[in-house]
Amino acid sequence: MRETSTSKSVHDGRPSCGKYVVMPPPMWEIPTIGYWDYVRIASRGCLMVTLVASNTVFVAHGNLAPAFVGGFFISALWWTNSSNHRPEAPYGWVAYGFGAAVGTVTGSVLARFV
């Protein structure tokens, strides 16, 4: 993304970050991706929503063991999809997934008492 300086003080609907308006690159600078890249992107989206939907049902029915596993895989997939995963932590997805799995069960148990 390139940033363009602007002196407008009124928000005109474009995404902004402070005094800069974040502009997408021109069409001729956007790299094109292939058909299988779109299939891969769609597959990840489908998998993520499938995991979230099934985990919602597990939590709603009080099935904590499948909710634990679901919470782990949702977060592990989220970590690997994130552009913020850190190369110096190659197993960060395991720690992140485990923390989310514990949080899934903890939240489910706490919600029963609230």
Protein backbone atom coordinates (compact mmCIF):
# COMPACT_ATOMS: atom_id res chain seq x y z
CA MET A 1 0.00 0.00 0.00
CA ARG A 2 1.25 3.45 -0.76
CA GLU A 3 0.38 6.45 1.36
CA THR A 4 -0.61 9.80 -0.06
CA SER A 5 -0.35 12.96 1.99
CA THR A 6 -3.53 14.97 2.32
CA SER A 7 -4.40 18.22 4.01
CA LYS A 8 -8.13 17.51 4.24
CA SER A 9 -9.46 17.65 7.75
CA VAL A 10 -12.83 16.17 6.82
CA HIS A 11 -13.14 12.42 6.50
CA ASP A 12 -14.35 11.75 2.98
CA GLY A 13 -15.07 8.03 3.40
CA ARG A 14 -11.63 6.76 2.43
CA PRO A 15 -9.64 4.72 4.94
CA SER A 16 -7.13 6.96 6.67
CA CYS A 17 -4.34 6.69 9.17
CA GLY A 18 -3.64 10.04 10.78
CA LYS A 19 -2.76 12.61 8.17
CA TYR A 20 -2.35 10.02 5.42
CA VAL A 21 -5.04 8.45 3.27
CA VAL A 22 -4.27 4.81 2.58
CA MET A 23 -4.63 4.26 -1.14
CA PRO A 24 -4.57 0.89 -2.89
CA PRO A 25 -1.93 0.51 -5.58
CA PRO A 26 -2.94 1.21 -9.18
CA MET A 27 -4.41 -1.78 -11.02
CA TRP A 28 -1.29 -2.23 -13.15
CA GLU A 29 0.80 -2.69 -9.98
CA ILE A 30 -1.42 -5.33 -8.38
CA PRO A 31 0.07 -8.79 -8.90
CA THR A 32 -2.34 -11.28 -10.35
CA ILE A 33 -2.82 -14.67 -8.78
CA GLY A 34 -3.80 -17.91 -10.39
CA TYR A 35 -6.97 -19.96 -10.26
CA TRP A 36 -5.59 -22.39 -7.64
CA ASP A 37 -4.66 -19.50 -5.39
CA TYR A 38 -8.32 -18.49 -5.30
CA VAL A 39 -9.31 -22.10 -4.59
CA ARG A 40 -6.80 -22.19 -1.72
CA ILE A 41 -8.14 -18.91 -0.29
CA ALA A 42 -11.74 -20.13 -0.56
CA SER A 43 -10.79 -23.45 1.07
CA ARG A 44 -9.21 -21.70 4.04
CA GLY A 45 -12.28 -19.52 4.47
CA CYS A 46 -14.55 -22.55 4.30
CA LEU A 47 -12.44 -24.44 6.82
CA MET A 48 -12.33 -21.50 9.23
CA VAL A 49 -16.11 -20.97 9.17
CA THR A 50 -16.74 -24.73 9.47
CA LEU A 51 -14.55 -24.89 12.57
CA VAL A 52 -16.18 -21.83 14.14
CA ALA A 53 -19.70 -23.07 13.42
CA SER A 54 -19.02 -26.54 14.81
CA ASN A 55 -17.26 -25.12 17.87
CA THR A 56 -20.24 -22.86 18.52
CA VAL A 57 -22.47 -25.94 18.65
CA PHE A 58 -20.00 -27.79 20.90
CA VAL A 59 -19.91 -24.89 23.36
CA ALA A 60 -23.70 -24.43 23.25
CA HIS A 61 -24.24 -28.09 24.13
CA GLY A 62 -21.55 -28.15 26.81
CA ASN A 63 -19.28 -30.60 24.95
CA LEU A 64 -16.02 -29.28 26.37
CA ALA A 65 -13.58 -31.84 24.93
CA PRO A 66 -14.58 -31.21 21.29
CA ALA A 67 -14.75 -27.47 22.07
CA PHE A 68 -11.16 -27.64 23.37
CA VAL A 69 -9.98 -29.33 20.16
CA GLY A 70 -12.03 -26.95 18.00
CA GLY A 71 -10.64 -23.91 19.79
CA PHE A 72 -7.12 -25.20 19.21
CA PHE A 73 -7.61 -25.76 15.48
CA ILE A 74 -9.45 -22.47 14.94
CA SER A 75 -6.58 -20.55 16.50
CA ALA A 76 -3.86 -22.62 14.85
CA LEU A 77 -5.43 -21.90 11.46
CA TRP A 78 -5.86 -18.24 12.39
CA TRP A 79 -2.17 -18.04 13.33
CA THR A 80 -1.02 -19.61 10.07
CA ASN A 81 -3.31 -17.30 8.06
CA SER A 82 -1.99 -14.26 9.90
CA SER A 83 0.70 -12.20 8.28
CA ASN A 84 1.94 -11.40 11.79
CA HIS A 85 3.26 -14.86 12.66
CA ARG A 86 6.86 -14.56 13.67
CA PRO A 87 9.64 -16.51 11.98
CA GLU A 88 11.59 -16.71 15.24
CA ALA A 89 8.67 -18.61 16.80
CA PRO A 90 8.09 -21.51 14.38
CA TYR A 91 5.84 -23.31 16.87
CA GLY A 92 3.98 -20.18 17.95
CA TRP A 93 0.84 -21.61 16.37
CA VAL A 94 0.91 -24.47 18.92
CA ALA A 95 1.18 -22.10 21.89
CA TYR A 96 -1.46 -19.78 20.43
CA GLY A 97 -3.78 -22.69 19.67
CA PHE A 98 -3.32 -24.21 23.13
CA GLY A 99 -4.03 -20.90 24.82
CA ALA A 100 -7.17 -20.48 22.77
CA ALA A 101 -8.27 -24.04 23.53
CA VAL A 102 -7.89 -23.42 27.25
CA GLY A 103 -9.71 -20.11 26.82
CA THR A 104 -12.56 -21.87 25.01
CA VAL A 105 -13.13 -24.27 27.90
CA THR A 106 -12.60 -21.57 30.56
CA GLY A 107 -15.07 -19.26 28.86
CA SER A 108 -17.60 -22.06 28.49
CA VAL A 109 -17.38 -22.96 32.17
CA LEU A 110 -17.53 -19.34 33.32
CA ALA A 111 -20.51 -18.62 31.08
CA ARG A 112 -22.51 -21.32 32.86
CA PHE A 113 -22.21 -19.40 36.13
CA VAL A 114 -22.97 -15.95 34.79
